[in-house]
Amino acid sequence: MSDIRIVKASGQAENFSEEKLLRSIQRAGVPEKLRREAVEHIREKLYQDMPTSEIYRHILEYLGKSPYPHSGSRYSLKQAIMDLGPTGFPFESFIASILNRHGYKTETDVILPGLCVSHEVDVLAEKDNQKIMIECKFHNRIGSRTDIKVALYVMARYQDLTVGWINRDNATKLKEVWLVTNTKCTTDAIAYAQCMGIRIVSWGYPEKGNLQEMIEKEKLHPVTVLTTLNNLQKHLLLNNHMVLCRDLADNNLAFDLLKLSTDDVKKLKEEIEAL
């Protein structure tokens, strides 16, 4: 299969890899036998320069018709995060909720004084008496990357804030700066961040502690991953600051808000449990 090219959303072509596809399906918790069958299903449909988006669609359809239909929800995690948009505000709430589950205290949209100007910090996190400035960069278009301009912007704001608190006794003393994004970062952005001490948490980077791992390890999937809810219902939850599937499991307020029947509540709970 190495002679079959596939085209990523960025436009970049690469050789099709069964192993890579198997790993991506495995992360969704799909049983081994079904993983092999799904790859065989794709193998039969492969053609030269096939878009990865089409492969993704075929996998979702295949899993949806399998004995494990909810595994498709886990497989669609990356798209589900993009569906938090179009604005970045739900993504900020999502990141704050993830960090809360990992032992951090968080605030969102905090205004802090810098030396030159005040800055709105997307997420202000605290753990072990260490305060962290977190910049959330959200993309809702497949193939987008977070580039060095974003890293430069984050560092400039952080430096203004850290110099600013030196001259203010009561100012929030920041110890770290993070750049969190739902896409991959360019090599220049990563190199600059490593040089300047910015911690990047992105899709697949770093190898340990990346965004995907933080979500999957603790099962912190966003509500947009759910197939038992329509888009209107999902965004109704987001608008009411309910961003994690785990927050819905026994949340009668959410069920009332969505006006779900007893049968629909049962189906929703089953899908959440399957995650």
C-alpha atoms as a PDB file:
ATOM      1  CA  MET A   1       0.000   0.000   0.000  1.00  0.00           C
ATOM      2  CA  SER A   2       3.016   2.281   0.222  1.00  0.00           C
ATOM      3  CA  ASP A   3       2.586   3.281  -3.431  1.00  0.00           C
ATOM      4  CA  ILE A   4      -0.869   4.798  -2.755  1.00  0.00           C
ATOM      5  CA  ARG A   5      -0.738   8.496  -1.945  1.00  0.00           C
ATOM      6  CA  ILE A   6      -3.313  10.220   0.237  1.00  0.00           C
ATOM      7  CA  VAL A   7      -3.765  13.981   0.555  1.00  0.00           C
ATOM      8  CA  LYS A   8      -4.051  15.664   3.952  1.00  0.00           C
ATOM      9  CA  ALA A   9      -6.283  18.668   4.630  1.00  0.00           C
ATOM     10  CA  SER A  10      -3.212  20.914   4.425  1.00  0.00           C
ATOM     11  CA  GLY A  11      -2.699  19.790   0.819  1.00  0.00           C
ATOM     12  CA  GLN A  12       0.383  17.765   1.717  1.00  0.00           C
ATOM     13  CA  ALA A  13       0.571  14.292   0.162  1.00  0.00           C
ATOM     14  CA  GLU A  14       1.944  11.249   1.945  1.00  0.00           C
ATOM     15  CA  ASN A  15       1.932   7.487   1.448  1.00  0.00           C
ATOM     16  CA  PHE A  16      -0.993   5.634   2.960  1.00  0.00           C
ATOM     17  CA  SER A  17      -0.031   3.757   6.126  1.00  0.00           C
ATOM     18  CA  GLU A  18      -2.205   0.955   7.472  1.00  0.00           C
ATOM     19  CA  GLU A  19      -0.278   1.082  10.759  1.00  0.00           C
ATOM     20  CA  LYS A  20      -1.004   4.788  11.215  1.00  0.00           C
ATOM     21  CA  LEU A  21      -4.695   4.264  10.489  1.00  0.00           C
ATOM     22  CA  LEU A  22      -4.834   1.319  12.883  1.00  0.00           C
ATOM     23  CA  ARG A  23      -3.303   3.424  15.668  1.00  0.00           C
ATOM     24  CA  SER A  24      -5.815   6.213  15.163  1.00  0.00           C
ATOM     25  CA  ILE A  25      -8.713   3.742  15.353  1.00  0.00           C
ATOM     26  CA  GLN A  26      -7.163   2.007  18.362  1.00  0.00           C
ATOM     27  CA  ARG A  27      -7.082   5.305  20.289  1.00  0.00           C
ATOM     28  CA  ALA A  28     -10.868   5.384  19.921  1.00  0.00           C
ATOM     29  CA  GLY A  29     -11.085   2.160  21.930  1.00  0.00           C
ATOM     30  CA  VAL A  30     -12.212   0.031  18.991  1.00  0.00           C
ATOM     31  CA  PRO A  31     -11.755  -3.753  19.522  1.00  0.00           C
ATOM     32  CA  GLU A  32      -8.895  -5.273  17.516  1.00  0.00           C
ATOM     33  CA  LYS A  33     -11.081  -7.390  15.230  1.00  0.00           C
ATOM     34  CA  LEU A  34     -13.207  -4.379  14.281  1.00  0.00           C
ATOM     35  CA  ARG A  35     -10.063  -2.263  13.768  1.00  0.00           C
ATOM     36  CA  ARG A  36      -8.759  -4.768  11.227  1.00  0.00           C
ATOM     37  CA  GLU A  37     -12.127  -4.921   9.494  1.00  0.00           C
ATOM     38  CA  ALA A  38     -12.305  -1.111   9.295  1.00  0.00           C
ATOM     39  CA  VAL A  39      -8.844  -0.932   7.709  1.00  0.00           C
ATOM     40  CA  GLU A  40      -9.823  -3.649   5.232  1.00  0.00           C
ATOM     41  CA  HIS A  41     -12.931  -1.584   4.407  1.00  0.00           C
ATOM     42  CA  ILE A  42     -10.695   1.418   3.624  1.00  0.00           C
ATOM     43  CA  ARG A  43      -8.239  -0.699   1.638  1.00  0.00           C
ATOM     44  CA  GLU A  44     -11.039  -1.687  -0.729  1.00  0.00           C
ATOM     45  CA  LYS A  45     -11.929   1.969  -1.344  1.00  0.00           C
ATOM     46  CA  LEU A  46      -8.422   3.434  -1.677  1.00  0.00           C
ATOM     47  CA  TYR A  47      -7.443   5.321  -4.807  1.00  0.00           C
ATOM     48  CA  GLN A  48      -4.520   7.542  -5.762  1.00  0.00           C
ATOM     49  CA  ASP A  49      -4.580  10.956  -4.032  1.00  0.00           C
ATOM     50  CA  MET A  50      -7.593  10.081  -1.903  1.00  0.00           C
ATOM     51  CA  PRO A  51      -8.313  12.901   0.611  1.00  0.00           C
ATOM     52  CA  THR A  52      -7.858  11.966   4.264  1.00  0.00           C
ATOM     53  CA  SER A  53     -11.251  13.574   4.915  1.00  0.00           C
ATOM     54  CA  GLU A  54     -12.852  10.868   2.769  1.00  0.00           C
ATOM     55  CA  ILE A  55     -11.009   8.132   4.666  1.00  0.00           C
ATOM     56  CA  TYR A  56     -12.230   9.696   7.908  1.00  0.00           C
ATOM     57  CA  ARG A  57     -15.833   9.757   6.627  1.00  0.00           C
ATOM     58  CA  HIS A  58     -15.706   6.105   5.546  1.00  0.00           C
ATOM     59  CA  ILE A  59     -14.311   5.040   8.936  1.00  0.00           C
ATOM     60  CA  LEU A  60     -17.051   6.927  10.788  1.00  0.00           C
ATOM     61  CA  GLU A  61     -19.756   5.361   8.638  1.00  0.00           C
ATOM     62  CA  TYR A  62     -18.286   1.890   9.108  1.00  0.00           C
ATOM     63  CA  LEU A  63     -17.998   2.234  12.898  1.00  0.00           C
ATOM     64  CA  GLY A  64     -21.506   3.691  13.085  1.00  0.00           C
ATOM     65  CA  LYS A  65     -22.945   0.525  11.518  1.00  0.00           C
ATOM     66  CA  SER A  66     -20.818  -1.805  13.649  1.00  0.00           C
ATOM     67  CA  PRO A  67     -21.727  -3.502  16.976  1.00  0.00           C
ATOM     68  CA  TYR A  68     -19.794  -0.638  18.640  1.00  0.00           C
ATOM     69  CA  PRO A  69     -21.444   2.462  17.111  1.00  0.00           C
ATOM     70  CA  HIS A  70     -20.366   4.798  19.928  1.00  0.00           C
ATOM     71  CA  SER A  71     -16.692   4.190  19.091  1.00  0.00           C
ATOM     72  CA  GLY A  72     -17.264   6.618  16.223  1.00  0.00           C
ATOM     73  CA  SER A  73     -17.759   9.376  18.797  1.00  0.00           C
ATOM     74  CA  ARG A  74     -14.274   8.821  20.185  1.00  0.00           C
ATOM     75  CA  TYR A  75     -12.777   8.534  16.708  1.00  0.00           C
ATOM     76  CA  SER A  76     -14.210  11.945  15.745  1.00  0.00           C
ATOM     77  CA  LEU A  77     -12.576  13.775  18.679  1.00  0.00           C
ATOM     78  CA  LYS A  78     -10.496  16.173  16.577  1.00  0.00           C
ATOM     79  CA  GLN A  79     -13.505  17.250  14.510  1.00  0.00           C
ATOM     80  CA  ALA A  80     -15.634  17.515  17.655  1.00  0.00           C
ATOM     81  CA  ILE A  81     -13.202  20.046  19.129  1.00  0.00           C
ATOM     82  CA  MET A  82     -13.365  22.093  15.936  1.00  0.00           C
ATOM     83  CA  ASP A  83     -17.148  21.981  16.257  1.00  0.00           C
ATOM     84  CA  LEU A  84     -16.824  23.979  19.489  1.00  0.00           C
ATOM     85  CA  GLY A  85     -16.566  27.043  17.210  1.00  0.00           C
ATOM     86  CA  PRO A  86     -16.967  29.222  15.299  1.00  0.00           C
ATOM     87  CA  THR A  87     -15.678  31.470  18.119  1.00  0.00           C
ATOM     88  CA  GLY A  88     -12.890  30.489  20.504  1.00  0.00           C
ATOM     89  CA  PHE A  89     -14.826  31.106  23.722  1.00  0.00           C
ATOM     90  CA  PRO A  90     -16.186  27.543  24.154  1.00  0.00           C
ATOM     91  CA  PHE A  91     -12.667  26.212  23.511  1.00  0.00           C
ATOM     92  CA  GLU A  92     -11.352  28.361  26.367  1.00  0.00           C
ATOM     93  CA  SER A  93     -14.053  26.956  28.669  1.00  0.00           C
ATOM     94  CA  PHE A  94     -13.203  23.463  27.455  1.00  0.00           C
ATOM     95  CA  ILE A  95      -9.499  23.906  28.257  1.00  0.00           C
ATOM     96  CA  ALA A  96     -10.344  25.340  31.683  1.00  0.00           C
ATOM     97  CA  SER A  97     -12.600  22.341  32.390  1.00  0.00           C
ATOM     98  CA  ILE A  98      -9.853  19.906  31.358  1.00  0.00           C
ATOM     99  CA  LEU A  99      -7.340  21.637  33.618  1.00  0.00           C
ATOM    100  CA  ASN A 100      -9.815  21.591  36.518  1.00  0.00           C
ATOM    101  CA  ARG A 101     -10.027  17.819  36.157  1.00  0.00           C
ATOM    102  CA  HIS A 102      -6.214  17.673  36.195  1.00  0.00           C
ATOM    103  CA  GLY A 103      -6.029  19.474  39.539  1.00  0.00           C
ATOM    104  CA  TYR A 104      -5.738  23.125  38.481  1.00  0.00           C
ATOM    105  CA  LYS A 105      -7.868  26.028  39.642  1.00  0.00           C
ATOM    106  CA  THR A 106      -8.877  28.166  36.682  1.00  0.00           C
ATOM    107  CA  GLU A 107     -10.457  31.457  35.693  1.00  0.00           C
ATOM    108  CA  THR A 108     -11.283  32.507  32.149  1.00  0.00           C
ATOM    109  CA  ASP A 109     -11.087  35.912  30.440  1.00  0.00           C
ATOM    110  CA  VAL A 110      -9.119  37.563  33.243  1.00  0.00           C
ATOM    111  CA  ILE A 111      -7.886  41.147  32.795  1.00  0.00           C
ATOM    112  CA  LEU A 112      -4.350  41.624  34.171  1.00  0.00           C
ATOM    113  CA  PRO A 113      -2.242  44.810  34.209  1.00  0.00           C
ATOM    114  CA  GLY A 114       0.990  44.809  32.239  1.00  0.00           C
ATOM    115  CA  LEU A 115       3.778  47.380  32.260  1.00  0.00           C
ATOM    116  CA  CYS A 116       2.427  49.083  29.133  1.00  0.00           C
ATOM    117  CA  VAL A 117      -1.211  47.978  28.826  1.00  0.00           C
ATOM    118  CA  SER A 118      -3.697  45.595  30.404  1.00  0.00           C
ATOM    119  CA  HIS A 119      -4.207  42.176  28.827  1.00  0.00           C
ATOM    120  CA  GLU A 120      -7.109  39.739  28.730  1.00  0.00           C
ATOM    121  CA  VAL A 121      -5.798  36.282  29.610  1.00  0.00           C
ATOM    122  CA  ASP A 122      -7.815  33.414  28.121  1.00  0.00           C
ATOM    123  CA  VAL A 123      -7.242  31.083  31.066  1.00  0.00           C
ATOM    124  CA  LEU A 124      -5.476  31.857  34.333  1.00  0.00           C
ATOM    125  CA  ALA A 125      -4.557  28.551  35.988  1.00  0.00           C
ATOM    126  CA  GLU A 126      -3.067  27.829  39.397  1.00  0.00           C
ATOM    127  CA  LYS A 127      -1.542  24.702  40.911  1.00  0.00           C
ATOM    128  CA  ASP A 128       0.890  24.335  43.819  1.00  0.00           C
ATOM    129  CA  ASN A 129       0.740  28.137  44.299  1.00  0.00           C
ATOM    130  CA  GLN A 130       2.085  28.649  40.773  1.00  0.00           C
ATOM    131  CA  LYS A 131       0.023  30.877  38.469  1.00  0.00           C
ATOM    132  CA  ILE A 132       0.070  30.181  34.744  1.00  0.00           C
ATOM    133  CA  MET A 133      -0.968  32.390  31.839  1.00  0.00           C
ATOM    134  CA  ILE A 134      -2.628  30.276  29.146  1.00  0.00           C
ATOM    135  CA  GLU A 135      -3.289  31.530  25.631  1.00  0.00           C
ATOM    136  CA  CYS A 136      -5.845  29.408  23.753  1.00  0.00           C
ATOM    137  CA  LYS A 137      -5.561  29.419  19.966  1.00  0.00           C
ATOM    138  CA  PHE A 138      -8.629  27.851  18.388  1.00  0.00           C
ATOM    139  CA  HIS A 139      -8.954  26.813  14.743  1.00  0.00           C
ATOM    140  CA  ASN A 140     -12.187  25.538  13.197  1.00  0.00           C
ATOM    141  CA  ARG A 141     -10.724  24.716   9.794  1.00  0.00           C
ATOM    142  CA  ILE A 142      -9.083  21.343   9.145  1.00  0.00           C
ATOM    143  CA  GLY A 143      -5.470  21.686   8.028  1.00  0.00           C
ATOM    144  CA  SER A 144      -4.802  24.930   9.915  1.00  0.00           C
ATOM    145  CA  ARG A 145      -1.594  25.211  11.924  1.00  0.00           C
ATOM    146  CA  THR A 146      -0.533  27.512  14.719  1.00  0.00           C
ATOM    147  CA  ASP A 147       2.512  29.409  13.478  1.00  0.00           C
ATOM    148  CA  ILE A 148       5.358  31.434  14.945  1.00  0.00           C
ATOM    149  CA  LYS A 149       3.383  34.696  14.813  1.00  0.00           C
ATOM    150  CA  VAL A 150       1.100  33.315  17.512  1.00  0.00           C
ATOM    151  CA  ALA A 151       4.059  32.245  19.666  1.00  0.00           C
ATOM    152  CA  LEU A 152       5.647  35.704  19.283  1.00  0.00           C
ATOM    153  CA  TYR A 153       2.369  37.363  20.254  1.00  0.00           C
ATOM    154  CA  VAL A 154       1.991  35.154  23.334  1.00  0.00           C
ATOM    155  CA  MET A 155       5.543  35.874  24.492  1.00  0.00           C
ATOM    156  CA  ALA A 156       5.177  39.629  24.016  1.00  0.00           C
ATOM    157  CA  ARG A 157       2.057  39.695  26.197  1.00  0.00           C
ATOM    158  CA  TYR A 158       3.639  37.468  28.838  1.00  0.00           C
ATOM    159  CA  GLN A 159       6.732  39.674  29.043  1.00  0.00           C
ATOM    160  CA  ASP A 160       4.608  42.808  29.445  1.00  0.00           C
ATOM    161  CA  LEU A 161       2.659  41.125  32.236  1.00  0.00           C
ATOM    162  CA  THR A 162       5.705  39.753  34.080  1.00  0.00           C
ATOM    163  CA  VAL A 163       7.482  43.124  33.963  1.00  0.00           C
ATOM    164  CA  GLY A 164       4.226  44.787  34.973  1.00  0.00           C
ATOM    165  CA  TRP A 165       3.837  42.886  38.232  1.00  0.00           C
ATOM    166  CA  ILE A 166       7.357  43.824  39.358  1.00  0.00           C
ATOM    167  CA  ASN A 167       6.062  47.372  39.818  1.00  0.00           C
ATOM    168  CA  ARG A 168       2.775  46.343  41.478  1.00  0.00           C
ATOM    169  CA  ASP A 169       2.824  44.735  44.915  1.00  0.00           C
ATOM    170  CA  ASN A 170      -0.650  43.245  44.545  1.00  0.00           C
ATOM    171  CA  ALA A 171      -0.363  42.134  40.943  1.00  0.00           C
ATOM    172  CA  THR A 172      -0.803  38.510  39.902  1.00  0.00           C
ATOM    173  CA  LYS A 173       2.656  36.950  39.745  1.00  0.00           C
ATOM    174  CA  LEU A 174       2.883  34.671  36.733  1.00  0.00           C
ATOM    175  CA  LYS A 175       5.365  31.794  36.762  1.00  0.00           C
ATOM    176  CA  GLU A 176       4.646  30.087  33.432  1.00  0.00           C
ATOM    177  CA  VAL A 177       3.123  30.720  30.033  1.00  0.00           C
ATOM    178  CA  TRP A 178       1.357  28.099  27.913  1.00  0.00           C
ATOM    179  CA  LEU A 179       0.100  28.116  24.355  1.00  0.00           C
ATOM    180  CA  VAL A 180      -2.756  25.632  23.955  1.00  0.00           C
ATOM    181  CA  THR A 181      -4.170  24.908  20.510  1.00  0.00           C
ATOM    182  CA  ASN A 182      -6.429  22.303  18.923  1.00  0.00           C
ATOM    183  CA  THR A 183      -4.213  21.961  15.841  1.00  0.00           C
ATOM    184  CA  LYS A 184      -0.569  21.204  15.200  1.00  0.00           C
ATOM    185  CA  CYS A 185       2.122  23.887  15.440  1.00  0.00           C
ATOM    186  CA  THR A 186       4.706  24.747  12.821  1.00  0.00           C
ATOM    187  CA  THR A 187       8.319  23.735  13.452  1.00  0.00           C
ATOM    188  CA  ASP A 188       9.303  27.408  13.840  1.00  0.00           C
ATOM    189  CA  ALA A 189       6.622  27.946  16.481  1.00  0.00           C
ATOM    190  CA  ILE A 190       7.836  24.909  18.429  1.00  0.00           C
ATOM    191  CA  ALA A 191      11.509  25.943  18.136  1.00  0.00           C
ATOM    192  CA  TYR A 192      10.740  29.473  19.340  1.00  0.00           C
ATOM    193  CA  ALA A 193       8.612  28.189  22.220  1.00  0.00           C
ATOM    194  CA  GLN A 194      11.357  25.812  23.352  1.00  0.00           C
ATOM    195  CA  CYS A 195      13.914  28.629  23.212  1.00  0.00           C
ATOM    196  CA  MET A 196      11.752  31.133  25.123  1.00  0.00           C
ATOM    197  CA  GLY A 197      10.210  28.780  27.675  1.00  0.00           C
ATOM    198  CA  ILE A 198       6.648  28.684  26.349  1.00  0.00           C
ATOM    199  CA  ARG A 199       4.945  25.381  27.052  1.00  0.00           C
ATOM    200  CA  ILE A 200       3.021  24.238  23.979  1.00  0.00           C
ATOM    201  CA  VAL A 201       0.072  21.877  24.393  1.00  0.00           C
ATOM    202  CA  SER A 202      -1.241  21.043  20.944  1.00  0.00           C
ATOM    203  CA  TRP A 203      -2.645  18.174  18.904  1.00  0.00           C
ATOM    204  CA  GLY A 204      -0.024  15.421  19.188  1.00  0.00           C
ATOM    205  CA  TYR A 205       2.626  17.644  20.809  1.00  0.00           C
ATOM    206  CA  PRO A 206       4.456  17.106  23.070  1.00  0.00           C
ATOM    207  CA  GLU A 207       4.677  13.327  22.937  1.00  0.00           C
ATOM    208  CA  LYS A 208       3.499  13.138  26.558  1.00  0.00           C
ATOM    209  CA  GLY A 209       0.933  15.577  27.890  1.00  0.00           C
ATOM    210  CA  ASN A 210      -0.450  16.712  24.535  1.00  0.00           C
ATOM    211  CA  LEU A 211      -4.051  17.880  24.181  1.00  0.00           C
ATOM    212  CA  GLN A 212      -5.306  14.600  22.763  1.00  0.00           C
ATOM    213  CA  GLU A 213      -3.740  12.638  25.634  1.00  0.00           C
ATOM    214  CA  MET A 214      -5.078  15.023  28.295  1.00  0.00           C
ATOM    215  CA  ILE A 215      -8.583  14.479  26.937  1.00  0.00           C
ATOM    216  CA  GLU A 216      -8.477  10.729  26.331  1.00  0.00           C
ATOM    217  CA  LYS A 217      -6.595   9.742  29.492  1.00  0.00           C
ATOM    218  CA  GLU A 218      -9.296  11.173  31.769  1.00  0.00           C
ATOM    219  CA  LYS A 219     -12.174  10.751  29.261  1.00  0.00           C
ATOM    220  CA  LEU A 220     -12.788  14.506  29.071  1.00  0.00           C
ATOM    221  CA  HIS A 221     -14.586  14.558  25.722  1.00  0.00           C
ATOM    222  CA  PRO A 222     -16.460  17.714  24.680  1.00  0.00           C
ATOM    223  CA  VAL A 223     -20.250  17.563  24.291  1.00  0.00           C
ATOM    224  CA  THR A 224     -19.786  18.155  20.558  1.00  0.00           C
ATOM    225  CA  VAL A 225     -18.562  14.558  20.220  1.00  0.00           C
ATOM    226  CA  LEU A 226     -22.028  13.180  21.029  1.00  0.00           C
ATOM    227  CA  THR A 227     -24.016  11.652  18.186  1.00  0.00           C
ATOM    228  CA  THR A 228     -27.233  11.425  20.212  1.00  0.00           C
ATOM    229  CA  LEU A 229     -27.566  15.233  20.232  1.00  0.00           C
ATOM    230  CA  ASN A 230     -28.071  17.568  17.280  1.00  0.00           C
ATOM    231  CA  ASN A 231     -25.974  20.697  16.712  1.00  0.00           C
ATOM    232  CA  LEU A 232     -28.607  22.993  18.212  1.00  0.00           C
ATOM    233  CA  GLN A 233     -28.676  20.961  21.421  1.00  0.00           C
ATOM    234  CA  LYS A 234     -24.877  20.856  21.638  1.00  0.00           C
ATOM    235  CA  HIS A 235     -24.545  24.619  21.318  1.00  0.00           C
ATOM    236  CA  LEU A 236     -27.352  25.126  23.820  1.00  0.00           C
ATOM    237  CA  LEU A 237     -25.193  23.241  26.311  1.00  0.00           C
ATOM    238  CA  LEU A 238     -22.089  25.239  25.376  1.00  0.00           C
ATOM    239  CA  ASN A 239     -23.972  28.509  25.802  1.00  0.00           C
ATOM    240  CA  ASN A 240     -24.866  27.356  29.313  1.00  0.00           C
ATOM    241  CA  HIS A 241     -21.234  26.523  30.166  1.00  0.00           C
ATOM    242  CA  MET A 242     -21.652  22.748  29.939  1.00  0.00           C
ATOM    243  CA  VAL A 243     -18.701  21.603  27.850  1.00  0.00           C
ATOM    244  CA  LEU A 244     -17.736  18.116  29.051  1.00  0.00           C
ATOM    245  CA  CYS A 245     -19.712  14.936  28.439  1.00  0.00           C
ATOM    246  CA  ARG A 246     -18.889  13.877  31.991  1.00  0.00           C
ATOM    247  CA  ASP A 247     -20.770  16.924  33.268  1.00  0.00           C
ATOM    248  CA  LEU A 248     -23.976  15.581  31.723  1.00  0.00           C
ATOM    249  CA  ALA A 249     -24.029  12.029  33.061  1.00  0.00           C
ATOM    250  CA  ASP A 250     -26.373  12.739  36.001  1.00  0.00           C
ATOM    251  CA  ASN A 251     -27.214  16.365  35.301  1.00  0.00           C
ATOM    252  CA  ASN A 252     -30.999  16.698  35.401  1.00  0.00           C
ATOM    253  CA  LEU A 253     -30.651  20.421  34.702  1.00  0.00           C
ATOM    254  CA  ALA A 254     -29.016  19.592  31.364  1.00  0.00           C
ATOM    255  CA  PHE A 255     -31.711  17.058  30.509  1.00  0.00           C
ATOM    256  CA  ASP A 256     -34.431  19.624  31.291  1.00  0.00           C
ATOM    257  CA  LEU A 257     -32.617  22.271  29.257  1.00  0.00           C
ATOM    258  CA  LEU A 258     -32.504  19.946  26.257  1.00  0.00           C
ATOM    259  CA  LYS A 259     -36.128  18.861  26.775  1.00  0.00           C
ATOM    260  CA  LEU A 260     -35.166  15.214  26.375  1.00  0.00           C
ATOM    261  CA  SER A 261     -37.612  12.357  26.695  1.00  0.00           C
ATOM    262  CA  THR A 262     -36.898   9.487  29.087  1.00  0.00           C
ATOM    263  CA  ASP A 263     -35.812   7.349  26.136  1.00  0.00           C
ATOM    264  CA  ASP A 264     -33.498  10.084  24.797  1.00  0.00           C
ATOM    265  CA  VAL A 265     -31.932  10.537  28.244  1.00  0.00           C
ATOM    266  CA  LYS A 266     -31.247   6.794  28.348  1.00  0.00           C
ATOM    267  CA  LYS A 267     -29.576   6.874  24.916  1.00  0.00           C
ATOM    268  CA  LEU A 268     -27.498   9.909  25.903  1.00  0.00           C
ATOM    269  CA  LYS A 269     -26.309   8.264  29.114  1.00  0.00           C
ATOM    270  CA  GLU A 270     -25.405   5.097  27.209  1.00  0.00           C
ATOM    271  CA  GLU A 271     -23.273   7.063  24.757  1.00  0.00           C
ATOM    272  CA  ILE A 272     -21.540   8.989  27.544  1.00  0.00           C
ATOM    273  CA  GLU A 273     -20.858   5.739  29.403  1.00  0.00           C
ATOM    274  CA  ALA A 274     -19.392   4.222  26.221  1.00  0.00           C
ATOM    275  CA  LEU A 275     -16.870   7.057  25.946  1.00  0.00           C
END
